Amino acid sequence: MHTPVLLDQVIEAMEIKKNGLYLDATFGEGGYSQAILDKGGKVLGIDLDPEQISDFKFSIPNLKLVEGNFGDIEKIAKENNFFPVEGVVFDLGLSMKQISQSGRGFSFKKINEPLDMRMSLKTEMTAKYLLNHISKSELFDVFAKNSEEINSQKIAHEIIIKRQFKKLETVGDLTNCIDKAIGEQDNNAYKRIFQALRVQVNDEFENLKKGLIGAAKIIKDDGKIAVVTFHSLEDRIVKNFSKTQGIKPLNKKPIMNRRGKSFEKSAKLRLIIKDNI
């Protein structure tokens, strides 16, 4: 089981109550759920990727797992008679299993993997389709809007040229386009472009907005929402949400991670509490 990067900070802030109901909106490899169970809480875990919950086929006391989109969190909680809850956890990072074992092209280092990037194979859209079918201006919008990559225009142009001769099929095809567009290998550019495509394929920003609104509707007064983000655009959505409808931030500035691998150092934790009004 992978230990989430800000697990201790999340669990401490949530102040887990014995027999309290908690919703793990991004179950992943079960790190948050296990920590909540260890403190005596009851958990409903949600994950869009069925492979993420397939390792937990056996019954675990006080844990129920559901395949679903956290954008539908209110509906899922009510269908399972699991509300109101004491707290909700969102961790917006990919799990290590998804990166290393899914075979869906989430990592720019897996050069032979297909350009898929779907969290759920039930999703029709893929990164391959986007790269090979949408227009240059649409590609630019995807890259600029979803990652703020400064070379978005150049990269979109190079992809259009490349696909006239051969469709982009693999991760390596895409990284080669990025290299040619900016004139060098740049891991940060790879990360941003792969982020942009993954966000678009899975409609991540819109689902996050829906998920936060839904979470606010199913938590108790004084209930807490913990959100771990990994880039500024996600963090901005959470920050803006915390200014609305009787929802307030517990921490004016996000809790940062200072240790671990490079991608873990980008993790930020925002805590939101529902006012008793």
C-alpha atoms as a PDB file:
ATOM      1  CA  MET A   1       0.000   0.000   0.000  1.00  0.00           C
ATOM      2  CA  HIS A   2       1.393   3.393  -1.037  1.00  0.00           C
ATOM      3  CA  THR A   3       1.547   6.033   1.700  1.00  0.00           C
ATOM      4  CA  PRO A   4       0.084   9.349   0.443  1.00  0.00           C
ATOM      5  CA  VAL A   5       2.521  12.235   0.599  1.00  0.00           C
ATOM      6  CA  LEU A   6       0.604  14.380   3.130  1.00  0.00           C
ATOM      7  CA  LEU A   7      -1.177  11.546   4.935  1.00  0.00           C
ATOM      8  CA  ASP A   8      -0.169  12.510   8.486  1.00  0.00           C
ATOM      9  CA  GLN A   9      -1.184  16.132   7.998  1.00  0.00           C
ATOM     10  CA  VAL A  10      -4.566  15.157   6.561  1.00  0.00           C
ATOM     11  CA  ILE A  11      -5.388  12.680   9.324  1.00  0.00           C
ATOM     12  CA  GLU A  12      -4.314  15.081  12.063  1.00  0.00           C
ATOM     13  CA  ALA A  13      -6.447  17.878  10.617  1.00  0.00           C
ATOM     14  CA  MET A  14      -9.511  15.647  10.154  1.00  0.00           C
ATOM     15  CA  GLU A  15      -9.582  14.740  13.887  1.00  0.00           C
ATOM     16  CA  ILE A  16     -11.086  11.318  13.180  1.00  0.00           C
ATOM     17  CA  LYS A  17     -14.035  10.399  15.419  1.00  0.00           C
ATOM     18  CA  LYS A  18     -14.732   6.810  16.409  1.00  0.00           C
ATOM     19  CA  ASN A  19     -17.586   5.417  14.286  1.00  0.00           C
ATOM     20  CA  GLY A  20     -17.706   8.700  12.346  1.00  0.00           C
ATOM     21  CA  LEU A  21     -18.445   8.558   8.617  1.00  0.00           C
ATOM     22  CA  TYR A  22     -15.673   9.621   6.226  1.00  0.00           C
ATOM     23  CA  LEU A  23     -15.590   9.689   2.456  1.00  0.00           C
ATOM     24  CA  ASP A  24     -12.343   8.943   0.632  1.00  0.00           C
ATOM     25  CA  ALA A  25     -13.146  10.468  -2.754  1.00  0.00           C
ATOM     26  CA  THR A  26      -9.931   9.244  -4.401  1.00  0.00           C
ATOM     27  CA  PHE A  27      -9.366   5.796  -2.894  1.00  0.00           C
ATOM     28  CA  GLY A  28      -6.286   4.928  -4.958  1.00  0.00           C
ATOM     29  CA  GLU A  29      -4.255   2.366  -3.066  1.00  0.00           C
ATOM     30  CA  GLY A  30      -6.174   2.884   0.151  1.00  0.00           C
ATOM     31  CA  GLY A  31      -3.705   4.917   2.211  1.00  0.00           C
ATOM     32  CA  TYR A  32      -6.165   7.480   3.583  1.00  0.00           C
ATOM     33  CA  SER A  33      -8.921   4.908   4.080  1.00  0.00           C
ATOM     34  CA  GLN A  34      -6.649   2.630   6.087  1.00  0.00           C
ATOM     35  CA  ALA A  35      -5.479   5.491   8.297  1.00  0.00           C
ATOM     36  CA  ILE A  36      -9.080   6.551   8.981  1.00  0.00           C
ATOM     37  CA  LEU A  37     -10.079   2.946   9.759  1.00  0.00           C
ATOM     38  CA  ASP A  38      -7.126   2.652  12.145  1.00  0.00           C
ATOM     39  CA  LYS A  39      -8.505   5.656  14.051  1.00  0.00           C
ATOM     40  CA  GLY A  40     -11.936   4.032  14.365  1.00  0.00           C
ATOM     41  CA  GLY A  41     -13.729   5.775  11.515  1.00  0.00           C
ATOM     42  CA  LYS A  42     -16.000   4.247   8.871  1.00  0.00           C
ATOM     43  CA  VAL A  43     -15.129   4.847   5.217  1.00  0.00           C
ATOM     44  CA  LEU A  44     -16.844   4.946   1.856  1.00  0.00           C
ATOM     45  CA  GLY A  45     -14.105   4.881  -0.780  1.00  0.00           C
ATOM     46  CA  ILE A  46     -14.650   6.031  -4.366  1.00  0.00           C
ATOM     47  CA  ASP A  47     -12.388   5.535  -7.359  1.00  0.00           C
ATOM     48  CA  LEU A  48     -12.978   6.066 -11.062  1.00  0.00           C
ATOM     49  CA  ASP A  49     -10.442   3.397 -11.981  1.00  0.00           C
ATOM     50  CA  PRO A  50     -11.765  -0.117 -11.230  1.00  0.00           C
ATOM     51  CA  GLU A  51      -8.226  -1.482 -11.186  1.00  0.00           C
ATOM     52  CA  GLN A  52      -7.507   0.713  -8.167  1.00  0.00           C
ATOM     53  CA  ILE A  53     -10.073  -1.122  -6.059  1.00  0.00           C
ATOM     54  CA  SER A  54      -9.627  -4.586  -7.565  1.00  0.00           C
ATOM     55  CA  ASP A  55      -6.946  -5.460  -4.994  1.00  0.00           C
ATOM     56  CA  PHE A  56      -9.497  -4.994  -2.207  1.00  0.00           C
ATOM     57  CA  LYS A  57     -11.998  -7.675  -3.197  1.00  0.00           C
ATOM     58  CA  PHE A  58     -11.948  -9.136   0.289  1.00  0.00           C
ATOM     59  CA  SER A  59     -14.193  -7.623   2.945  1.00  0.00           C
ATOM     60  CA  ILE A  60     -12.684  -5.069   5.312  1.00  0.00           C
ATOM     61  CA  PRO A  61     -14.770  -4.064   8.337  1.00  0.00           C
ATOM     62  CA  ASN A  62     -16.190  -0.515   8.136  1.00  0.00           C
ATOM     63  CA  LEU A  63     -14.978  -0.029   4.543  1.00  0.00           C
ATOM     64  CA  LYS A  64     -17.186   0.067   1.467  1.00  0.00           C
ATOM     65  CA  LEU A  65     -15.751   0.651  -2.018  1.00  0.00           C
ATOM     66  CA  VAL A  66     -17.593   2.072  -5.003  1.00  0.00           C
ATOM     67  CA  GLU A  67     -16.443   2.533  -8.595  1.00  0.00           C
ATOM     68  CA  GLY A  68     -17.469   6.036  -9.606  1.00  0.00           C
ATOM     69  CA  ASN A  69     -16.567   9.630 -10.373  1.00  0.00           C
ATOM     70  CA  PHE A  70     -16.094  11.961  -7.412  1.00  0.00           C
ATOM     71  CA  GLY A  71     -17.928  14.585  -9.442  1.00  0.00           C
ATOM     72  CA  ASP A  72     -21.003  12.530  -8.441  1.00  0.00           C
ATOM     73  CA  ILE A  73     -20.010  12.385  -4.784  1.00  0.00           C
ATOM     74  CA  GLU A  74     -23.353  13.604  -3.421  1.00  0.00           C
ATOM     75  CA  LYS A  75     -25.303  11.045  -5.466  1.00  0.00           C
ATOM     76  CA  ILE A  76     -22.939   8.204  -4.516  1.00  0.00           C
ATOM     77  CA  ALA A  77     -23.090   9.027  -0.808  1.00  0.00           C
ATOM     78  CA  LYS A  78     -26.889   9.153  -0.814  1.00  0.00           C
ATOM     79  CA  GLU A  79     -27.250   5.965  -2.875  1.00  0.00           C
ATOM     80  CA  ASN A  80     -25.157   4.187  -0.256  1.00  0.00           C
ATOM     81  CA  ASN A  81     -26.940   5.845   2.683  1.00  0.00           C
ATOM     82  CA  PHE A  82     -23.572   7.253   3.767  1.00  0.00           C
ATOM     83  CA  PHE A  83     -24.301  10.808   4.866  1.00  0.00           C
ATOM     84  CA  PRO A  84     -23.974  13.220   6.525  1.00  0.00           C
ATOM     85  CA  VAL A  85     -20.238  12.660   6.916  1.00  0.00           C
ATOM     86  CA  GLU A  86     -17.639  14.051   9.278  1.00  0.00           C
ATOM     87  CA  GLY A  87     -15.126  14.634   6.521  1.00  0.00           C
ATOM     88  CA  VAL A  88     -14.133  14.158   2.900  1.00  0.00           C
ATOM     89  CA  VAL A  89     -10.646  13.620   1.471  1.00  0.00           C
ATOM     90  CA  PHE A  90      -9.613  14.384  -2.108  1.00  0.00           C
ATOM     91  CA  ASP A  91      -6.058  13.523  -3.232  1.00  0.00           C
ATOM     92  CA  LEU A  92      -5.713  14.655  -6.837  1.00  0.00           C
ATOM     93  CA  GLY A  93      -2.469  12.876  -7.636  1.00  0.00           C
ATOM     94  CA  LEU A  94      -2.068   9.679  -9.629  1.00  0.00           C
ATOM     95  CA  SER A  95      -1.266   6.568  -7.649  1.00  0.00           C
ATOM     96  CA  MET A  96       2.074   4.849  -8.090  1.00  0.00           C
ATOM     97  CA  LYS A  97       0.220   1.809  -9.445  1.00  0.00           C
ATOM     98  CA  GLN A  98      -1.430   3.886 -12.172  1.00  0.00           C
ATOM     99  CA  ILE A  99       1.877   5.399 -13.199  1.00  0.00           C
ATOM    100  CA  SER A 100       3.927   2.195 -13.166  1.00  0.00           C
ATOM    101  CA  GLN A 101       1.452  -0.559 -14.060  1.00  0.00           C
ATOM    102  CA  SER A 102      -1.623   0.776 -15.866  1.00  0.00           C
ATOM    103  CA  GLY A 103      -0.037   0.868 -19.334  1.00  0.00           C
ATOM    104  CA  ARG A 104      -2.101   3.945 -20.242  1.00  0.00           C
ATOM    105  CA  GLY A 105       0.678   6.433 -20.920  1.00  0.00           C
ATOM    106  CA  PHE A 106       0.399   8.535 -17.766  1.00  0.00           C
ATOM    107  CA  SER A 107       4.187   8.872 -17.451  1.00  0.00           C
ATOM    108  CA  PHE A 108       6.408  10.538 -20.056  1.00  0.00           C
ATOM    109  CA  LYS A 109       9.100   8.010 -19.121  1.00  0.00           C
ATOM    110  CA  LYS A 110       7.078   5.049 -20.441  1.00  0.00           C
ATOM    111  CA  ILE A 111       7.920   5.767 -24.079  1.00  0.00           C
ATOM    112  CA  ASN A 112       6.370   2.598 -25.538  1.00  0.00           C
ATOM    113  CA  GLU A 113       3.002   2.929 -23.813  1.00  0.00           C
ATOM    114  CA  PRO A 114      -0.045   4.015 -25.829  1.00  0.00           C
ATOM    115  CA  LEU A 115      -1.336   7.587 -25.555  1.00  0.00           C
ATOM    116  CA  ASP A 116      -4.461   6.676 -23.609  1.00  0.00           C
ATOM    117  CA  MET A 117      -4.521   8.576 -20.277  1.00  0.00           C
ATOM    118  CA  ARG A 118      -8.041   7.525 -19.281  1.00  0.00           C
ATOM    119  CA  MET A 119      -8.685   7.045 -15.574  1.00  0.00           C
ATOM    120  CA  SER A 120     -11.590   4.783 -16.508  1.00  0.00           C
ATOM    121  CA  LEU A 121     -11.672   2.662 -19.655  1.00  0.00           C
ATOM    122  CA  LYS A 122     -15.386   3.469 -19.855  1.00  0.00           C
ATOM    123  CA  THR A 123     -14.393   6.976 -20.972  1.00  0.00           C
ATOM    124  CA  GLU A 124     -14.535   7.274 -24.769  1.00  0.00           C
ATOM    125  CA  MET A 125     -12.039  10.111 -25.246  1.00  0.00           C
ATOM    126  CA  THR A 126      -8.303   9.317 -25.283  1.00  0.00           C
ATOM    127  CA  ALA A 127      -5.150  11.402 -25.546  1.00  0.00           C
ATOM    128  CA  LYS A 128      -4.410   9.692 -28.863  1.00  0.00           C
ATOM    129  CA  TYR A 129      -7.703  10.912 -30.323  1.00  0.00           C
ATOM    130  CA  LEU A 130      -7.101  14.480 -29.196  1.00  0.00           C
ATOM    131  CA  LEU A 131      -3.579  14.599 -30.567  1.00  0.00           C
ATOM    132  CA  ASN A 132      -4.548  13.186 -33.940  1.00  0.00           C
ATOM    133  CA  HIS A 133      -7.917  14.811 -34.595  1.00  0.00           C
ATOM    134  CA  ILE A 134      -8.481  18.217 -33.020  1.00  0.00           C
ATOM    135  CA  SER A 135      -7.277  21.424 -34.687  1.00  0.00           C
ATOM    136  CA  LYS A 136      -4.106  23.353 -33.955  1.00  0.00           C
ATOM    137  CA  SER A 137      -6.020  26.077 -32.110  1.00  0.00           C
ATOM    138  CA  GLU A 138      -7.852  23.470 -30.045  1.00  0.00           C
ATOM    139  CA  LEU A 139      -4.575  21.748 -29.144  1.00  0.00           C
ATOM    140  CA  PHE A 140      -3.133  25.086 -28.102  1.00  0.00           C
ATOM    141  CA  ASP A 141      -6.176  25.734 -25.892  1.00  0.00           C
ATOM    142  CA  VAL A 142      -5.830  22.315 -24.230  1.00  0.00           C
ATOM    143  CA  PHE A 143      -2.138  22.849 -23.449  1.00  0.00           C
ATOM    144  CA  ALA A 144      -2.426  26.492 -22.385  1.00  0.00           C
ATOM    145  CA  LYS A 145      -5.640  26.162 -20.378  1.00  0.00           C
ATOM    146  CA  ASN A 146      -4.788  22.936 -18.576  1.00  0.00           C
ATOM    147  CA  SER A 147      -1.098  23.465 -17.854  1.00  0.00           C
ATOM    148  CA  GLU A 148      -0.075  27.049 -18.733  1.00  0.00           C
ATOM    149  CA  GLU A 149       2.840  25.663 -20.785  1.00  0.00           C
ATOM    150  CA  ILE A 150       4.616  28.651 -22.372  1.00  0.00           C
ATOM    151  CA  ASN A 151       5.548  26.641 -25.476  1.00  0.00           C
ATOM    152  CA  SER A 152       1.983  25.487 -26.149  1.00  0.00           C
ATOM    153  CA  GLN A 153       1.807  27.157 -29.549  1.00  0.00           C
ATOM    154  CA  LYS A 154       5.079  25.644 -30.774  1.00  0.00           C
ATOM    155  CA  ILE A 155       4.180  22.177 -29.494  1.00  0.00           C
ATOM    156  CA  ALA A 156       0.717  22.264 -31.071  1.00  0.00           C
ATOM    157  CA  HIS A 157       2.271  23.319 -34.389  1.00  0.00           C
ATOM    158  CA  GLU A 158       4.810  20.474 -34.306  1.00  0.00           C
ATOM    159  CA  ILE A 159       2.098  17.907 -33.553  1.00  0.00           C
ATOM    160  CA  ILE A 160       0.078  19.059 -36.563  1.00  0.00           C
ATOM    161  CA  ILE A 161       3.138  18.659 -38.795  1.00  0.00           C
ATOM    162  CA  LYS A 162       4.020  15.241 -37.366  1.00  0.00           C
ATOM    163  CA  ARG A 163       0.540  13.753 -37.699  1.00  0.00           C
ATOM    164  CA  GLN A 164       0.340  14.604 -41.403  1.00  0.00           C
ATOM    165  CA  PHE A 165       2.893  11.861 -41.989  1.00  0.00           C
ATOM    166  CA  LYS A 166       2.250   9.484 -39.102  1.00  0.00           C
ATOM    167  CA  LYS A 167      -0.310   9.359 -36.331  1.00  0.00           C
ATOM    168  CA  LEU A 168       0.947   9.845 -32.795  1.00  0.00           C
ATOM    169  CA  GLU A 169       0.513   6.451 -31.142  1.00  0.00           C
ATOM    170  CA  THR A 170       2.927   6.220 -28.221  1.00  0.00           C
ATOM    171  CA  VAL A 171       4.343   8.292 -25.407  1.00  0.00           C
ATOM    172  CA  GLY A 172       7.640   8.464 -27.307  1.00  0.00           C
ATOM    173  CA  ASP A 173       5.885   9.962 -30.342  1.00  0.00           C
ATOM    174  CA  LEU A 174       4.619  12.818 -28.172  1.00  0.00           C
ATOM    175  CA  THR A 175       7.881  13.480 -26.322  1.00  0.00           C
ATOM    176  CA  ASN A 176       9.707  13.578 -29.660  1.00  0.00           C
ATOM    177  CA  CYS A 177       7.292  16.264 -30.851  1.00  0.00           C
ATOM    178  CA  ILE A 178       7.895  18.273 -27.691  1.00  0.00           C
ATOM    179  CA  ASP A 179      11.676  17.954 -28.117  1.00  0.00           C
ATOM    180  CA  LYS A 180      11.554  19.185 -31.693  1.00  0.00           C
ATOM    181  CA  ALA A 181       9.184  22.046 -30.852  1.00  0.00           C
ATOM    182  CA  ILE A 182      11.316  23.522 -28.069  1.00  0.00           C
ATOM    183  CA  GLY A 183      14.742  22.370 -29.272  1.00  0.00           C
ATOM    184  CA  GLU A 184      15.714  20.304 -26.252  1.00  0.00           C
ATOM    185  CA  GLN A 185      14.605  17.623 -23.817  1.00  0.00           C
ATOM    186  CA  ASP A 186      12.681  19.281 -20.980  1.00  0.00           C
ATOM    187  CA  ASN A 187      11.113  17.150 -18.254  1.00  0.00           C
ATOM    188  CA  ASN A 188       9.046  20.076 -16.988  1.00  0.00           C
ATOM    189  CA  ALA A 189       7.536  20.628 -20.426  1.00  0.00           C
ATOM    190  CA  TYR A 190       6.763  16.910 -20.658  1.00  0.00           C
ATOM    191  CA  LYS A 191       5.024  17.007 -17.264  1.00  0.00           C
ATOM    192  CA  ARG A 192       2.899  20.001 -18.198  1.00  0.00           C
ATOM    193  CA  ILE A 193       1.807  18.642 -21.587  1.00  0.00           C
ATOM    194  CA  PHE A 194       0.994  15.214 -20.159  1.00  0.00           C
ATOM    195  CA  GLN A 195      -0.916  16.921 -17.342  1.00  0.00           C
ATOM    196  CA  ALA A 196      -2.867  18.996 -19.849  1.00  0.00           C
ATOM    197  CA  LEU A 197      -3.903  15.972 -21.873  1.00  0.00           C
ATOM    198  CA  ARG A 198      -4.847  13.898 -18.828  1.00  0.00           C
ATOM    199  CA  VAL A 199      -6.940  16.769 -17.453  1.00  0.00           C
ATOM    200  CA  GLN A 200      -8.755  17.130 -20.779  1.00  0.00           C
ATOM    201  CA  VAL A 201      -9.360  13.414 -21.307  1.00  0.00           C
ATOM    202  CA  ASN A 202     -10.831  12.972 -17.821  1.00  0.00           C
ATOM    203  CA  ASP A 203     -12.518  16.403 -17.511  1.00  0.00           C
ATOM    204  CA  GLU A 204     -10.666  16.775 -14.219  1.00  0.00           C
ATOM    205  CA  PHE A 205     -11.230  20.450 -13.472  1.00  0.00           C
ATOM    206  CA  GLU A 206     -14.992  20.297 -13.990  1.00  0.00           C
ATOM    207  CA  ASN A 207     -15.263  17.122 -11.912  1.00  0.00           C
ATOM    208  CA  LEU A 208     -13.250  18.753  -9.123  1.00  0.00           C
ATOM    209  CA  LYS A 209     -15.649  21.710  -9.031  1.00  0.00           C
ATOM    210  CA  LYS A 210     -18.648  19.355  -8.953  1.00  0.00           C
ATOM    211  CA  GLY A 211     -16.992  17.173  -6.330  1.00  0.00           C
ATOM    212  CA  LEU A 212     -16.319  20.085  -3.982  1.00  0.00           C
ATOM    213  CA  ILE A 213     -19.902  21.334  -4.290  1.00  0.00           C
ATOM    214  CA  GLY A 214     -21.224  17.832  -3.662  1.00  0.00           C
ATOM    215  CA  ALA A 215     -18.919  17.312  -0.684  1.00  0.00           C
ATOM    216  CA  ALA A 216     -20.173  20.520   0.916  1.00  0.00           C
ATOM    217  CA  LYS A 217     -23.732  19.185   0.682  1.00  0.00           C
ATOM    218  CA  ILE A 218     -23.052  15.899   2.463  1.00  0.00           C
ATOM    219  CA  ILE A 219     -20.791  16.975   5.327  1.00  0.00           C
ATOM    220  CA  LYS A 220     -22.090  17.874   8.762  1.00  0.00           C
ATOM    221  CA  ASP A 221     -21.887  21.375  10.177  1.00  0.00           C
ATOM    222  CA  ASP A 222     -18.244  21.824  11.153  1.00  0.00           C
ATOM    223  CA  GLY A 223     -17.341  18.934   8.851  1.00  0.00           C
ATOM    224  CA  LYS A 224     -13.991  19.147   7.071  1.00  0.00           C
ATOM    225  CA  ILE A 225     -12.893  18.755   3.466  1.00  0.00           C
ATOM    226  CA  ALA A 226      -9.204  18.043   2.848  1.00  0.00           C
ATOM    227  CA  VAL A 227      -7.847  18.494  -0.675  1.00  0.00           C
ATOM    228  CA  VAL A 228      -4.308  17.590  -1.752  1.00  0.00           C
ATOM    229  CA  THR A 229      -3.377  19.215  -5.071  1.00  0.00           C
ATOM    230  CA  PHE A 230      -0.284  18.842  -7.233  1.00  0.00           C
ATOM    231  CA  HIS A 231      -0.318  21.903  -9.475  1.00  0.00           C
ATOM    232  CA  SER A 232      -1.415  25.528  -9.320  1.00  0.00           C
ATOM    233  CA  LEU A 233      -4.544  25.188 -11.452  1.00  0.00           C
ATOM    234  CA  GLU A 234      -6.063  22.580  -9.138  1.00  0.00           C
ATOM    235  CA  ASP A 235      -5.060  24.610  -6.115  1.00  0.00           C
ATOM    236  CA  ARG A 236      -6.698  27.727  -7.597  1.00  0.00           C
ATOM    237  CA  ILE A 237     -10.016  25.880  -7.996  1.00  0.00           C
ATOM    238  CA  VAL A 238      -9.944  24.776  -4.352  1.00  0.00           C
ATOM    239  CA  LYS A 239      -8.926  28.230  -3.127  1.00  0.00           C
ATOM    240  CA  ASN A 240     -11.744  29.900  -5.063  1.00  0.00           C
ATOM    241  CA  PHE A 241     -14.285  27.341  -3.877  1.00  0.00           C
ATOM    242  CA  SER A 242     -13.428  27.952  -0.230  1.00  0.00           C
ATOM    243  CA  LYS A 243     -14.686  31.532  -0.580  1.00  0.00           C
ATOM    244  CA  THR A 244     -18.292  30.495  -1.252  1.00  0.00           C
ATOM    245  CA  GLN A 245     -21.519  29.441   0.489  1.00  0.00           C
ATOM    246  CA  GLY A 246     -20.575  29.207   4.131  1.00  0.00           C
ATOM    247  CA  ILE A 247     -17.387  27.303   3.369  1.00  0.00           C
ATOM    248  CA  LYS A 248     -14.181  28.708   4.773  1.00  0.00           C
ATOM    249  CA  PRO A 249     -10.512  27.726   4.688  1.00  0.00           C
ATOM    250  CA  LEU A 250      -8.981  26.399   7.883  1.00  0.00           C
ATOM    251  CA  ASN A 251      -5.523  27.354   6.666  1.00  0.00           C
ATOM    252  CA  LYS A 252      -4.991  30.716   4.942  1.00  0.00           C
ATOM    253  CA  LYS A 253      -1.959  29.285   3.195  1.00  0.00           C
ATOM    254  CA  PRO A 254      -1.768  25.683   1.993  1.00  0.00           C
ATOM    255  CA  ILE A 255       0.271  23.148   3.917  1.00  0.00           C
ATOM    256  CA  MET A 256       3.263  22.311   1.745  1.00  0.00           C
ATOM    257  CA  ASN A 257       5.290  19.150   1.379  1.00  0.00           C
ATOM    258  CA  ARG A 258       9.039  19.708   1.615  1.00  0.00           C
ATOM    259  CA  ARG A 259      10.276  16.141   1.378  1.00  0.00           C
ATOM    260  CA  GLY A 260      10.220  13.212  -1.016  1.00  0.00           C
ATOM    261  CA  LYS A 261      10.508  12.931  -4.782  1.00  0.00           C
ATOM    262  CA  SER A 262      10.234  15.960  -7.049  1.00  0.00           C
ATOM    263  CA  PHE A 263       6.571  15.453  -7.929  1.00  0.00           C
ATOM    264  CA  GLU A 264       5.723  14.984  -4.240  1.00  0.00           C
ATOM    265  CA  LYS A 265       7.272  18.353  -3.382  1.00  0.00           C
ATOM    266  CA  SER A 266       4.551  20.065  -5.419  1.00  0.00           C
ATOM    267  CA  ALA A 267       1.828  18.699  -3.127  1.00  0.00           C
ATOM    268  CA  LYS A 268      -0.305  21.245  -1.267  1.00  0.00           C
ATOM    269  CA  LEU A 269      -3.006  20.603   1.318  1.00  0.00           C
ATOM    270  CA  ARG A 270      -5.982  22.927   1.721  1.00  0.00           C
ATOM    271  CA  LEU A 271      -8.470  22.364   4.527  1.00  0.00           C
ATOM    272  CA  ILE A 272     -12.023  23.641   4.332  1.00  0.00           C
ATOM    273  CA  ILE A 273     -14.660  23.606   7.079  1.00  0.00           C
ATOM    274  CA  LYS A 274     -18.426  23.901   6.781  1.00  0.00           C
ATOM    275  CA  ASP A 275     -19.631  26.700   9.044  1.00  0.00           C
ATOM    276  CA  ASN A 276     -22.399  25.964  11.508  1.00  0.00           C
ATOM    277  CA  ILE A 277     -24.859  28.551  10.208  1.00  0.00           C
END
